[in-house]
Amino acid sequence: MPPTKQEIYLKELQNYCWDNGFNPEPMRNERLAFFAHLVAEKNKTVNLISRRDVDSIIENHIFISAYITKFLPDKVTRFLDIGTGGGFPGIPLAIMRPELRGVLADSTGKKIDAVKDFISKLKLSNVVAENSRVESPEFIEKYKGAFDLVVSRAVVPIIILFRYALPLVKEKAFIVAMKGGDLDEEFKKAELKYKSFIKKSTVYELAYKPTNLRNKKGKKLVVIELQK
């Protein structure tokens, strides 16, 4: 019998993990592969990821979202995923770090309906999905000062992430953004405006074997430690 799509996803994910010395518990990899299957199926009717990207869902979405947990601070407890789309990186983060609680926010109702369905099918009790703009007064009132980690995937410039994050984070918090390309100009603008809040910032090159050696795809992770 040929392998199921989910089994193929699991094998591909395991290969990426092994190649890069990244060893999630087997049960976590299985949930990530199931999540890949759910997203690929839902993507036939709701545009969660680019259609041409479905064949690369493990590399470009699942693996990379799980892999960034290597770079996250240990002492955080509650995260906000801004512009989660199909649940990235929030759902892999919730699978990889089950001790964290999180809110996955997106302003597109169809996407959040899909994410709620994924959370239910994956039996994730540590995250909720919110159909909301994070800059709205209602969202700020509900979650003011609630988070010590804000994550986002290339949704908006870093300077805008700061503006969204500041009302919603605790006194000490982190912004973690997955980005591509040259960040110098973008970072300078953010630093100019929000310098007094930045305690430390680090940019990690997200190189990995075998398909992104020396980070030829230009994937980066920006980690900013905030002090209000």
N, C-alpha and C. Protein backbone atom coordinates (compact mmCIF):
# COMPACT_ATOMS: atom_id res chain seq x y z
N MET A 1 0.84 -1.20 0.00
CA MET A 1 0.00 0.00 0.00
C MET A 1 0.88 1.26 0.00
N PRO A 2 0.62 2.21 -0.90
CA PRO A 2 1.45 3.43 -0.90
C PRO A 2 1.25 4.24 0.37
N PRO A 3 2.28 4.99 0.78
CA PRO A 3 2.13 5.78 2.01
C PRO A 3 1.10 6.89 1.85
N THR A 4 0.45 7.23 2.95
CA THR A 4 -0.51 8.34 2.92
C THR A 4 0.25 9.66 2.83
N LYS A 5 -0.49 10.72 2.47
CA LYS A 5 0.12 12.05 2.40
C LYS A 5 0.73 12.43 3.75
N GLN A 6 0.01 12.09 4.82
CA GLN A 6 0.51 12.42 6.16
C GLN A 6 1.81 11.69 6.47
N GLU A 7 1.91 10.44 6.05
CA GLU A 7 3.15 9.66 6.27
C GLU A 7 4.31 10.26 5.47
N ILE A 8 4.00 10.73 4.25
CA ILE A 8 5.04 11.37 3.43
C ILE A 8 5.51 12.66 4.11
N TYR A 9 4.56 13.45 4.62
CA TYR A 9 4.91 14.68 5.34
C TYR A 9 5.79 14.37 6.56
N LEU A 10 5.42 13.33 7.29
CA LEU A 10 6.17 12.97 8.50
C LEU A 10 7.61 12.59 8.14
N LYS A 11 7.76 11.78 7.09
CA LYS A 11 9.11 11.35 6.66
C LYS A 11 9.94 12.57 6.26
N GLU A 12 9.35 13.48 5.50
CA GLU A 12 10.08 14.67 5.04
C GLU A 12 10.48 15.54 6.24
N LEU A 13 9.57 15.69 7.18
CA LEU A 13 9.85 16.49 8.37
C LEU A 13 10.97 15.86 9.20
N GLN A 14 10.89 14.53 9.38
CA GLN A 14 11.94 13.83 10.14
C GLN A 14 13.30 14.02 9.49
N ASN A 15 13.34 13.98 8.15
CA ASN A 15 14.62 14.14 7.43
C ASN A 15 15.20 15.53 7.66
N TYR A 16 14.35 16.56 7.59
CA TYR A 16 14.83 17.93 7.87
C TYR A 16 15.36 18.03 9.30
N CYS A 17 14.64 17.44 10.23
CA CYS A 17 15.06 17.50 11.64
C CYS A 17 16.39 16.79 11.85
N TRP A 18 16.50 15.57 11.32
CA TRP A 18 17.73 14.79 11.49
C TRP A 18 18.92 15.51 10.86
N ASP A 19 18.71 16.03 9.64
CA ASP A 19 19.81 16.71 8.93
C ASP A 19 20.34 17.91 9.71
N ASN A 20 19.50 18.48 10.56
CA ASN A 20 19.88 19.72 11.23
C ASN A 20 20.05 19.58 12.74
N GLY A 21 20.20 18.31 13.19
CA GLY A 21 20.44 18.06 14.61
C GLY A 21 19.34 18.60 15.50
N PHE A 22 18.12 18.57 14.98
CA PHE A 22 16.95 19.10 15.69
C PHE A 22 16.04 17.92 15.97
N ASN A 23 15.82 17.64 17.25
CA ASN A 23 15.18 16.36 17.59
C ASN A 23 13.92 16.52 18.43
N PRO A 24 12.81 16.96 17.83
CA PRO A 24 11.56 17.02 18.59
C PRO A 24 11.11 15.61 19.00
N GLU A 25 10.32 15.54 20.06
CA GLU A 25 9.76 14.25 20.46
C GLU A 25 8.93 13.70 19.29
N PRO A 26 8.95 12.37 19.10
CA PRO A 26 8.22 11.77 17.96
C PRO A 26 6.75 12.19 17.89
N MET A 27 6.08 12.27 19.04
CA MET A 27 4.68 12.65 19.04
C MET A 27 4.47 14.06 18.50
N ARG A 28 5.42 14.94 18.77
CA ARG A 28 5.32 16.32 18.26
C ARG A 28 5.47 16.34 16.75
N ASN A 29 6.41 15.56 16.23
CA ASN A 29 6.57 15.48 14.78
C ASN A 29 5.30 14.93 14.12
N GLU A 30 4.68 13.95 14.76
CA GLU A 30 3.45 13.38 14.21
C GLU A 30 2.32 14.42 14.17
N ARG A 31 2.23 15.22 15.20
CA ARG A 31 1.21 16.28 15.21
C ARG A 31 1.50 17.34 14.15
N LEU A 32 2.78 17.67 13.98
CA LEU A 32 3.16 18.63 12.94
C LEU A 32 2.82 18.11 11.55
N ALA A 33 3.05 16.82 11.32
CA ALA A 33 2.72 16.22 10.02
C ALA A 33 1.21 16.21 9.80
N PHE A 34 0.45 15.94 10.86
CA PHE A 34 -1.01 15.98 10.78
C PHE A 34 -1.48 17.40 10.47
N PHE A 35 -0.83 18.38 11.10
CA PHE A 35 -1.16 19.78 10.83
C PHE A 35 -0.89 20.12 9.36
N ALA A 36 0.24 19.66 8.82
CA ALA A 36 0.56 19.89 7.40
C ALA A 36 -0.56 19.34 6.51
N HIS A 37 -1.01 18.14 6.84
CA HIS A 37 -2.11 17.50 6.08
C HIS A 37 -3.39 18.34 6.17
N LEU A 38 -3.72 18.81 7.36
CA LEU A 38 -4.93 19.63 7.54
C LEU A 38 -4.86 20.92 6.72
N VAL A 39 -3.70 21.58 6.76
CA VAL A 39 -3.54 22.84 6.02
C VAL A 39 -3.64 22.59 4.51
N ALA A 40 -2.96 21.55 4.03
CA ALA A 40 -2.97 21.25 2.59
C ALA A 40 -4.39 20.96 2.10
N GLU A 41 -5.15 20.23 2.90
CA GLU A 41 -6.53 19.92 2.52
C GLU A 41 -7.40 21.18 2.52
N LYS A 42 -7.28 21.96 3.59
CA LYS A 42 -8.11 23.17 3.71
C LYS A 42 -7.75 24.19 2.64
N ASN A 43 -6.50 24.17 2.23
CA ASN A 43 -6.01 25.15 1.24
C ASN A 43 -6.69 24.99 -0.12
N LYS A 44 -7.35 23.86 -0.33
CA LYS A 44 -8.09 23.66 -1.58
C LYS A 44 -9.30 24.58 -1.67
N THR A 45 -9.80 25.00 -0.50
CA THR A 45 -11.00 25.86 -0.50
C THR A 45 -10.77 27.23 0.12
N VAL A 46 -9.76 27.34 1.00
CA VAL A 46 -9.43 28.63 1.64
C VAL A 46 -7.96 28.92 1.40
N ASN A 47 -7.65 30.11 0.91
CA ASN A 47 -6.26 30.43 0.56
C ASN A 47 -5.44 30.74 1.81
N LEU A 48 -4.87 29.70 2.40
CA LEU A 48 -4.07 29.85 3.63
C LEU A 48 -2.59 30.05 3.32
N ILE A 49 -2.10 29.29 2.33
CA ILE A 49 -0.73 29.46 1.85
C ILE A 49 -0.80 29.51 0.33
N SER A 50 0.26 30.01 -0.28
CA SER A 50 0.30 30.09 -1.74
C SER A 50 0.08 28.69 -2.34
N ARG A 51 -0.76 28.62 -3.37
CA ARG A 51 -1.06 27.31 -3.99
C ARG A 51 0.21 26.61 -4.46
N ARG A 52 1.13 27.39 -5.02
CA ARG A 52 2.36 26.76 -5.53
C ARG A 52 3.29 26.33 -4.40
N ASP A 53 2.95 26.74 -3.18
CA ASP A 53 3.78 26.42 -2.02
C ASP A 53 3.36 25.12 -1.32
N VAL A 54 2.24 24.56 -1.73
CA VAL A 54 1.71 23.39 -1.03
C VAL A 54 2.70 22.23 -1.06
N ASP A 55 3.39 22.05 -2.20
CA ASP A 55 4.36 20.96 -2.30
C ASP A 55 5.56 21.16 -1.38
N SER A 56 5.80 22.41 -0.99
CA SER A 56 6.93 22.72 -0.10
C SER A 56 6.45 23.04 1.32
N ILE A 57 5.27 22.55 1.68
CA ILE A 57 4.67 22.94 2.96
C ILE A 57 5.56 22.57 4.15
N ILE A 58 6.24 21.43 4.06
CA ILE A 58 7.08 21.02 5.19
C ILE A 58 8.26 21.97 5.35
N GLU A 59 9.00 22.21 4.27
CA GLU A 59 10.17 23.08 4.39
C GLU A 59 9.79 24.52 4.73
N ASN A 60 8.86 25.08 3.95
CA ASN A 60 8.60 26.53 4.03
C ASN A 60 7.66 26.95 5.15
N HIS A 61 6.94 26.00 5.71
CA HIS A 61 5.95 26.37 6.73
C HIS A 61 6.09 25.57 8.02
N ILE A 62 6.05 24.25 7.92
CA ILE A 62 6.02 23.42 9.13
C ILE A 62 7.40 23.35 9.80
N PHE A 63 8.40 22.90 9.05
CA PHE A 63 9.74 22.74 9.64
C PHE A 63 10.27 24.08 10.17
N ILE A 64 10.21 25.11 9.34
CA ILE A 64 10.81 26.39 9.74
C ILE A 64 10.11 26.99 10.96
N SER A 65 8.78 26.82 11.05
CA SER A 65 8.03 27.33 12.20
C SER A 65 8.38 26.58 13.48
N ALA A 66 8.66 25.27 13.34
CA ALA A 66 9.08 24.47 14.50
C ALA A 66 10.54 24.76 14.86
N TYR A 67 11.37 24.92 13.82
CA TYR A 67 12.81 25.11 14.01
C TYR A 67 13.13 26.38 14.78
N ILE A 68 12.32 27.43 14.61
CA ILE A 68 12.62 28.70 15.30
C ILE A 68 12.48 28.58 16.82
N THR A 69 11.82 27.52 17.29
CA THR A 69 11.70 27.37 18.75
C THR A 69 13.07 27.17 19.40
N LYS A 70 14.07 26.76 18.61
CA LYS A 70 15.45 26.66 19.12
C LYS A 70 15.97 28.01 19.60
N PHE A 71 15.45 29.08 19.02
CA PHE A 71 15.99 30.42 19.27
C PHE A 71 15.13 31.24 20.24
N LEU A 72 14.05 30.65 20.70
CA LEU A 72 13.15 31.40 21.58
C LEU A 72 13.67 31.41 23.01
N PRO A 73 13.43 32.50 23.73
CA PRO A 73 13.83 32.55 25.14
C PRO A 73 13.07 31.51 25.97
N ASP A 74 13.73 31.01 27.00
CA ASP A 74 13.14 29.95 27.83
C ASP A 74 12.04 30.44 28.75
N LYS A 75 12.19 31.66 29.25
CA LYS A 75 11.37 32.07 30.38
C LYS A 75 10.04 32.72 30.01
N VAL A 76 9.64 32.65 28.74
CA VAL A 76 8.36 33.24 28.36
C VAL A 76 7.21 32.28 28.69
N THR A 77 6.02 32.84 28.87
CA THR A 77 4.88 32.01 29.27
C THR A 77 3.66 32.17 28.37
N ARG A 78 3.53 33.35 27.75
CA ARG A 78 2.31 33.60 26.96
C ARG A 78 2.66 34.37 25.69
N PHE A 79 2.22 33.86 24.55
CA PHE A 79 2.60 34.49 23.29
C PHE A 79 1.39 34.94 22.47
N LEU A 80 1.64 35.91 21.62
CA LEU A 80 0.67 36.40 20.65
C LEU A 80 1.26 36.22 19.26
N ASP A 81 0.52 35.56 18.37
CA ASP A 81 0.93 35.41 16.97
C ASP A 81 0.12 36.42 16.15
N ILE A 82 0.80 37.44 15.63
CA ILE A 82 0.13 38.51 14.88
C ILE A 82 0.09 38.14 13.40
N GLY A 83 -1.13 38.12 12.83
CA GLY A 83 -1.29 37.76 11.42
C GLY A 83 -0.98 36.30 11.17
N THR A 84 -1.63 35.44 11.94
CA THR A 84 -1.29 34.01 11.94
C THR A 84 -1.61 33.31 10.62
N GLY A 85 -2.52 33.87 9.82
CA GLY A 85 -2.87 33.24 8.53
C GLY A 85 -3.43 31.85 8.74
N GLY A 86 -2.70 30.84 8.27
CA GLY A 86 -3.14 29.44 8.44
C GLY A 86 -2.66 28.81 9.73
N GLY A 87 -2.14 29.65 10.66
CA GLY A 87 -1.68 29.11 11.95
C GLY A 87 -0.17 29.07 12.08
N PHE A 88 0.52 29.92 11.30
CA PHE A 88 1.99 29.94 11.32
C PHE A 88 2.52 31.25 11.87
N PRO A 89 3.49 31.22 12.75
CA PRO A 89 4.11 30.02 13.34
C PRO A 89 3.39 29.51 14.60
N GLY A 90 2.22 30.08 14.93
CA GLY A 90 1.60 29.84 16.23
C GLY A 90 1.29 28.39 16.57
N ILE A 91 0.74 27.63 15.60
CA ILE A 91 0.38 26.24 15.91
C ILE A 91 1.63 25.36 16.08
N PRO A 92 2.62 25.42 15.18
CA PRO A 92 3.85 24.67 15.46
C PRO A 92 4.51 25.08 16.79
N LEU A 93 4.44 26.35 17.10
CA LEU A 93 4.99 26.83 18.39
C LEU A 93 4.24 26.19 19.56
N ALA A 94 2.92 26.13 19.45
CA ALA A 94 2.11 25.51 20.51
C ALA A 94 2.38 24.02 20.65
N ILE A 95 2.66 23.36 19.52
CA ILE A 95 2.98 21.93 19.55
C ILE A 95 4.36 21.70 20.17
N MET A 96 5.31 22.54 19.78
CA MET A 96 6.70 22.36 20.24
C MET A 96 6.91 22.81 21.68
N ARG A 97 6.14 23.81 22.10
CA ARG A 97 6.30 24.34 23.46
C ARG A 97 4.93 24.30 24.18
N PRO A 98 4.50 23.10 24.56
CA PRO A 98 3.15 22.94 25.12
C PRO A 98 2.94 23.67 26.44
N GLU A 99 4.04 24.08 27.10
CA GLU A 99 3.89 24.81 28.36
C GLU A 99 3.50 26.27 28.13
N LEU A 100 3.62 26.74 26.89
CA LEU A 100 3.23 28.12 26.57
C LEU A 100 1.74 28.21 26.29
N ARG A 101 1.15 29.34 26.66
CA ARG A 101 -0.23 29.62 26.24
C ARG A 101 -0.17 30.70 25.17
N GLY A 102 -1.08 30.64 24.22
CA GLY A 102 -0.98 31.60 23.12
C GLY A 102 -2.31 32.03 22.54
N VAL A 103 -2.27 33.19 21.88
CA VAL A 103 -3.41 33.71 21.12
C VAL A 103 -2.95 33.91 19.69
N LEU A 104 -3.69 33.31 18.75
CA LEU A 104 -3.38 33.42 17.32
C LEU A 104 -4.39 34.39 16.71
N ALA A 105 -3.92 35.54 16.25
CA ALA A 105 -4.82 36.59 15.78
C ALA A 105 -4.68 36.81 14.28
N ASP A 106 -5.81 37.01 13.63
CA ASP A 106 -5.84 37.39 12.22
C ASP A 106 -7.16 38.09 11.95
N SER A 107 -7.11 39.07 11.03
CA SER A 107 -8.32 39.85 10.76
C SER A 107 -9.20 39.22 9.68
N THR A 108 -8.73 38.12 9.06
CA THR A 108 -9.52 37.45 8.03
C THR A 108 -10.31 36.30 8.64
N GLY A 109 -11.62 36.44 8.63
CA GLY A 109 -12.51 35.48 9.30
C GLY A 109 -12.35 34.05 8.80
N LYS A 110 -12.24 33.86 7.48
CA LYS A 110 -12.14 32.49 6.93
C LYS A 110 -10.88 31.79 7.42
N LYS A 111 -9.80 32.56 7.54
CA LYS A 111 -8.54 31.97 8.02
C LYS A 111 -8.66 31.58 9.48
N ILE A 112 -9.26 32.44 10.28
CA ILE A 112 -9.40 32.13 11.71
C ILE A 112 -10.36 30.95 11.92
N ASP A 113 -11.40 30.86 11.11
CA ASP A 113 -12.29 29.69 11.19
C ASP A 113 -11.50 28.40 10.93
N ALA A 114 -10.61 28.46 9.94
CA ALA A 114 -9.76 27.29 9.63
C ALA A 114 -8.83 26.98 10.80
N VAL A 115 -8.22 28.02 11.37
CA VAL A 115 -7.28 27.83 12.48
C VAL A 115 -8.00 27.25 13.71
N LYS A 116 -9.21 27.72 13.97
CA LYS A 116 -10.00 27.16 15.09
C LYS A 116 -10.25 25.67 14.87
N ASP A 117 -10.54 25.30 13.63
CA ASP A 117 -10.76 23.89 13.28
C ASP A 117 -9.47 23.08 13.48
N PHE A 118 -8.33 23.64 13.07
CA PHE A 118 -7.05 22.95 13.25
C PHE A 118 -6.76 22.74 14.75
N ILE A 119 -6.98 23.78 15.54
CA ILE A 119 -6.72 23.70 16.99
C ILE A 119 -7.56 22.58 17.61
N SER A 120 -8.82 22.50 17.17
CA SER A 120 -9.73 21.46 17.68
C SER A 120 -9.26 20.07 17.26
N LYS A 121 -8.93 19.90 15.97
CA LYS A 121 -8.54 18.58 15.47
C LYS A 121 -7.20 18.13 16.03
N LEU A 122 -6.32 19.08 16.32
CA LEU A 122 -5.01 18.76 16.90
C LEU A 122 -5.07 18.62 18.43
N LYS A 123 -6.28 18.91 18.98
CA LYS A 123 -6.50 18.82 20.43
C LYS A 123 -5.49 19.68 21.21
N LEU A 124 -5.29 20.90 20.74
CA LEU A 124 -4.38 21.84 21.40
C LEU A 124 -5.17 22.65 22.43
N SER A 125 -4.85 22.47 23.68
CA SER A 125 -5.59 23.17 24.74
C SER A 125 -4.88 24.44 25.19
N ASN A 126 -3.71 24.72 24.61
CA ASN A 126 -2.91 25.86 25.11
C ASN A 126 -3.01 27.11 24.23
N VAL A 127 -3.81 27.04 23.14
CA VAL A 127 -3.96 28.22 22.28
C VAL A 127 -5.42 28.46 21.91
N VAL A 128 -5.71 29.74 21.64
CA VAL A 128 -7.02 30.12 21.11
C VAL A 128 -6.79 31.00 19.88
N ALA A 129 -7.79 31.07 19.00
CA ALA A 129 -7.71 31.89 17.80
C ALA A 129 -8.70 33.04 17.90
N GLU A 130 -8.26 34.23 17.51
CA GLU A 130 -9.09 35.44 17.60
C GLU A 130 -9.19 36.10 16.24
N ASN A 131 -10.43 36.30 15.78
CA ASN A 131 -10.66 37.05 14.54
C ASN A 131 -10.70 38.54 14.89
N SER A 132 -9.52 39.15 14.86
CA SER A 132 -9.44 40.54 15.33
C SER A 132 -8.20 41.21 14.77
N ARG A 133 -8.26 42.54 14.70
CA ARG A 133 -7.06 43.33 14.43
C ARG A 133 -6.42 43.62 15.79
N VAL A 134 -5.15 43.34 15.91
CA VAL A 134 -4.50 43.47 17.22
C VAL A 134 -4.38 44.93 17.67
N GLU A 135 -4.51 45.86 16.71
CA GLU A 135 -4.42 47.28 17.07
C GLU A 135 -5.77 47.87 17.44
N SER A 136 -6.83 47.05 17.38
CA SER A 136 -8.17 47.56 17.70
C SER A 136 -8.32 47.81 19.20
N PRO A 137 -9.09 48.83 19.58
CA PRO A 137 -9.30 49.12 21.01
C PRO A 137 -9.85 47.93 21.79
N GLU A 138 -10.72 47.14 21.14
CA GLU A 138 -11.33 45.97 21.81
C GLU A 138 -10.27 44.93 22.15
N PHE A 139 -9.37 44.66 21.19
CA PHE A 139 -8.33 43.66 21.42
C PHE A 139 -7.36 44.15 22.49
N ILE A 140 -7.00 45.43 22.42
CA ILE A 140 -6.06 46.00 23.40
C ILE A 140 -6.67 45.96 24.80
N GLU A 141 -7.95 46.26 24.88
CA GLU A 141 -8.61 46.24 26.20
C GLU A 141 -8.61 44.83 26.79
N LYS A 142 -8.83 43.85 25.93
CA LYS A 142 -8.91 42.46 26.38
C LYS A 142 -7.54 41.90 26.78
N TYR A 143 -6.48 42.33 26.06
CA TYR A 143 -5.17 41.70 26.24
C TYR A 143 -4.06 42.67 26.66
N LYS A 144 -4.42 43.79 27.19
CA LYS A 144 -3.41 44.79 27.57
C LYS A 144 -2.40 44.19 28.55
N GLY A 145 -1.11 44.31 28.21
CA GLY A 145 -0.05 43.83 29.10
C GLY A 145 -0.05 42.34 29.36
N ALA A 146 -0.62 41.55 28.42
CA ALA A 146 -0.83 40.12 28.70
C ALA A 146 0.31 39.22 28.24
N PHE A 147 1.13 39.67 27.29
CA PHE A 147 2.06 38.75 26.62
C PHE A 147 3.52 39.09 26.94
N ASP A 148 4.34 38.04 27.01
CA ASP A 148 5.78 38.29 27.11
C ASP A 148 6.51 37.84 25.85
N LEU A 149 5.75 37.42 24.84
CA LEU A 149 6.33 37.06 23.56
C LEU A 149 5.34 37.40 22.45
N VAL A 150 5.81 38.14 21.45
CA VAL A 150 5.01 38.42 20.25
C VAL A 150 5.76 37.83 19.07
N VAL A 151 5.07 36.96 18.29
CA VAL A 151 5.70 36.35 17.12
C VAL A 151 4.93 36.75 15.86
N SER A 152 5.66 36.77 14.74
CA SER A 152 5.02 37.13 13.48
C SER A 152 5.87 36.66 12.33
N ARG A 153 5.18 36.32 11.22
CA ARG A 153 5.88 35.88 10.02
C ARG A 153 5.78 36.93 8.94
N ALA A 154 6.74 37.83 8.87
CA ALA A 154 6.89 38.75 7.73
C ALA A 154 5.63 39.54 7.38
N VAL A 155 4.71 39.64 8.31
CA VAL A 155 3.42 40.27 7.98
C VAL A 155 3.59 41.77 7.77
N VAL A 156 4.27 42.41 8.67
CA VAL A 156 4.39 43.87 8.62
C VAL A 156 5.84 44.26 8.93
N PRO A 157 6.24 45.49 8.59
CA PRO A 157 7.58 45.95 8.97
C PRO A 157 7.78 45.93 10.49
N ILE A 158 9.03 45.81 10.91
CA ILE A 158 9.35 45.71 12.35
C ILE A 158 8.82 46.92 13.12
N ILE A 159 8.89 48.10 12.51
CA ILE A 159 8.43 49.31 13.19
C ILE A 159 6.94 49.23 13.53
N ILE A 160 6.16 48.59 12.64
CA ILE A 160 4.72 48.41 12.89
C ILE A 160 4.50 47.34 13.96
N LEU A 161 5.33 46.29 13.93
CA LEU A 161 5.24 45.25 14.97
C LEU A 161 5.42 45.85 16.35
N PHE A 162 6.37 46.78 16.48
CA PHE A 162 6.57 47.48 17.75
C PHE A 162 5.29 48.19 18.17
N ARG A 163 4.70 48.91 17.22
CA ARG A 163 3.49 49.70 17.54
C ARG A 163 2.36 48.77 18.00
N TYR A 164 2.22 47.65 17.32
CA TYR A 164 1.18 46.68 17.70
C TYR A 164 1.48 46.05 19.05
N ALA A 165 2.76 45.73 19.26
CA ALA A 165 3.14 44.93 20.43
C ALA A 165 3.12 45.71 21.74
N LEU A 166 3.57 46.95 21.73
CA LEU A 166 3.81 47.67 22.99
C LEU A 166 2.61 47.71 23.94
N PRO A 167 1.39 47.99 23.47
CA PRO A 167 0.27 48.01 24.43
C PRO A 167 -0.07 46.62 24.98
N LEU A 168 0.39 45.58 24.29
CA LEU A 168 -0.06 44.22 24.60
C LEU A 168 0.95 43.40 25.40
N VAL A 169 2.15 43.94 25.57
CA VAL A 169 3.19 43.15 26.24
C VAL A 169 3.40 43.59 27.69
N LYS A 170 4.01 42.67 28.44
CA LYS A 170 4.37 42.94 29.83
C LYS A 170 5.57 43.88 29.88
N GLU A 171 6.02 44.20 31.09
CA GLU A 171 7.17 45.12 31.25
C GLU A 171 8.41 44.60 30.54
N LYS A 172 8.62 43.28 30.63
CA LYS A 172 9.73 42.64 29.92
C LYS A 172 9.13 41.64 28.94
N ALA A 173 9.56 41.75 27.68
CA ALA A 173 8.96 40.88 26.66
C ALA A 173 9.91 40.76 25.47
N PHE A 174 9.51 39.91 24.52
CA PHE A 174 10.32 39.69 23.31
C PHE A 174 9.43 39.80 22.07
N ILE A 175 9.98 40.41 21.03
CA ILE A 175 9.37 40.35 19.70
C ILE A 175 10.24 39.42 18.86
N VAL A 176 9.60 38.44 18.23
CA VAL A 176 10.32 37.50 17.37
C VAL A 176 9.65 37.51 16.00
N ALA A 177 10.40 37.92 14.97
CA ALA A 177 9.83 38.05 13.63
C ALA A 177 10.62 37.23 12.63
N MET A 178 9.90 36.43 11.83
CA MET A 178 10.52 35.68 10.75
C MET A 178 10.49 36.58 9.51
N LYS A 179 11.65 36.83 8.96
CA LYS A 179 11.76 37.80 7.86
C LYS A 179 12.63 37.26 6.75
N GLY A 180 12.56 37.95 5.60
CA GLY A 180 13.44 37.62 4.48
C GLY A 180 14.13 38.86 3.98
N GLY A 181 15.24 38.66 3.27
CA GLY A 181 15.90 39.79 2.61
C GLY A 181 16.76 40.64 3.54
N ASP A 182 17.07 41.84 3.06
CA ASP A 182 17.94 42.76 3.79
C ASP A 182 17.13 43.56 4.81
N LEU A 183 17.48 43.41 6.07
CA LEU A 183 16.68 44.04 7.14
C LEU A 183 17.29 45.33 7.67
N ASP A 184 18.46 45.72 7.16
CA ASP A 184 19.17 46.86 7.75
C ASP A 184 18.32 48.12 7.83
N GLU A 185 17.73 48.49 6.70
CA GLU A 185 16.95 49.73 6.65
C GLU A 185 15.72 49.64 7.54
N GLU A 186 15.04 48.50 7.45
CA GLU A 186 13.83 48.27 8.24
C GLU A 186 14.13 48.35 9.74
N PHE A 187 15.26 47.74 10.11
CA PHE A 187 15.62 47.72 11.53
C PHE A 187 16.04 49.10 12.03
N LYS A 188 16.76 49.83 11.18
CA LYS A 188 17.19 51.18 11.57
C LYS A 188 16.00 52.08 11.89
N LYS A 189 14.97 51.98 11.05
CA LYS A 189 13.76 52.80 11.26
C LYS A 189 13.11 52.47 12.59
N ALA A 190 13.00 51.19 12.88
CA ALA A 190 12.39 50.75 14.14
C ALA A 190 13.23 51.20 15.33
N GLU A 191 14.54 51.07 15.19
CA GLU A 191 15.45 51.42 16.28
C GLU A 191 15.40 52.92 16.57
N LEU A 192 15.31 53.72 15.51
CA LEU A 192 15.26 55.17 15.66
C LEU A 192 14.06 55.59 16.51
N LYS A 193 12.93 54.95 16.25
CA LYS A 193 11.69 55.34 16.95
C LYS A 193 11.57 54.70 18.32
N TYR A 194 12.04 53.47 18.47
CA TYR A 194 11.76 52.71 19.70
C TYR A 194 13.02 52.33 20.49
N LYS A 195 14.10 53.07 20.27
CA LYS A 195 15.39 52.75 20.89
C LYS A 195 15.29 52.57 22.40
N SER A 196 14.49 53.41 23.05
CA SER A 196 14.41 53.38 24.53
C SER A 196 13.79 52.08 25.05
N PHE A 197 13.08 51.34 24.17
CA PHE A 197 12.45 50.09 24.60
C PHE A 197 13.30 48.86 24.29
N ILE A 198 14.33 49.03 23.46
CA ILE A 198 15.12 47.88 23.01
C ILE A 198 16.28 47.62 23.98
N LYS A 199 16.20 46.48 24.66
CA LYS A 199 17.28 46.10 25.57
C LYS A 199 18.39 45.38 24.80
N LYS A 200 17.96 44.52 23.86
CA LYS A 200 18.93 43.74 23.09
C LYS A 200 18.25 43.26 21.81
N SER A 201 19.01 43.17 20.73
CA SER A 201 18.44 42.61 19.50
C SER A 201 19.46 41.70 18.82
N THR A 202 18.95 40.61 18.25
CA THR A 202 19.80 39.63 17.56
C THR A 202 19.10 39.20 16.28
N VAL A 203 19.88 39.08 15.20
CA VAL A 203 19.33 38.54 13.95
C VAL A 203 20.03 37.21 13.67
N TYR A 204 19.22 36.14 13.60
CA TYR A 204 19.75 34.81 13.31
C TYR A 204 19.54 34.48 11.83
N GLU A 205 20.58 33.95 11.21
CA GLU A 205 20.46 33.45 9.84
C GLU A 205 19.86 32.04 9.91
N LEU A 206 18.72 31.83 9.28
CA LEU A 206 18.06 30.54 9.36
C LEU A 206 18.52 29.62 8.23
N ALA A 207 19.81 29.29 8.26
CA ALA A 207 20.35 28.32 7.31
C ALA A 207 20.03 26.91 7.80
N TYR A 208 19.77 25.99 6.87
CA TYR A 208 19.51 24.60 7.26
C TYR A 208 19.82 23.69 6.08
N LYS A 209 20.11 22.42 6.40
CA LYS A 209 20.40 21.42 5.38
C LYS A 209 19.09 20.75 4.95
N PRO A 210 19.01 20.20 3.75
CA PRO A 210 19.99 20.30 2.66
C PRO A 210 19.65 21.42 1.67
N THR A 211 18.52 22.10 1.85
CA THR A 211 18.01 22.98 0.78
C THR A 211 18.28 24.46 1.02
N ASN A 212 18.86 24.81 2.17
CA ASN A 212 19.14 26.23 2.42
C ASN A 212 20.51 26.40 3.08
N LEU A 213 21.50 25.76 2.46
CA LEU A 213 22.87 25.87 2.96
C LEU A 213 23.34 27.32 2.81
N ARG A 214 24.08 27.79 3.78
CA ARG A 214 24.59 29.18 3.79
C ARG A 214 23.47 30.20 3.62
N ASN A 215 22.26 29.79 3.93
CA ASN A 215 21.08 30.67 3.91
C ASN A 215 20.92 31.40 2.57
N LYS A 216 21.04 30.66 1.49
CA LYS A 216 20.90 31.27 0.16
C LYS A 216 19.48 31.80 -0.07
N LYS A 217 18.51 31.31 0.73
CA LYS A 217 17.12 31.79 0.59
C LYS A 217 16.85 33.04 1.43
N GLY A 218 17.87 33.46 2.19
CA GLY A 218 17.75 34.74 2.92
C GLY A 218 16.74 34.74 4.04
N LYS A 219 16.53 33.60 4.71
CA LYS A 219 15.56 33.54 5.81
C LYS A 219 16.22 33.97 7.11
N LYS A 220 15.56 34.86 7.82
CA LYS A 220 16.13 35.39 9.06
C LYS A 220 15.11 35.39 10.19
N LEU A 221 15.65 35.34 11.40
CA LEU A 221 14.80 35.45 12.58
C LEU A 221 15.33 36.63 13.42
N VAL A 222 14.46 37.60 13.63
CA VAL A 222 14.82 38.76 14.43
C VAL A 222 14.27 38.55 15.84
N VAL A 223 15.14 38.62 16.84
CA VAL A 223 14.73 38.48 18.24
C VAL A 223 15.08 39.77 18.97
N ILE A 224 14.05 40.45 19.46
CA ILE A 224 14.25 41.75 20.14
C ILE A 224 13.75 41.64 21.57
N GLU A 225 14.63 41.94 22.51
CA GLU A 225 14.24 41.95 23.92
C GLU A 225 13.78 43.36 24.27
N LEU A 226 12.58 43.46 24.82
CA LEU A 226 11.98 44.75 25.15
C LEU A 226 11.99 45.00 26.66
N GLN A 227 12.14 46.24 27.01
CA GLN A 227 11.98 46.68 28.41
C GLN A 227 11.14 47.95 28.37
N LYS A 228 9.93 47.86 28.90
CA LYS A 228 9.04 49.03 28.84
C LYS A 228 9.40 50.07 29.89
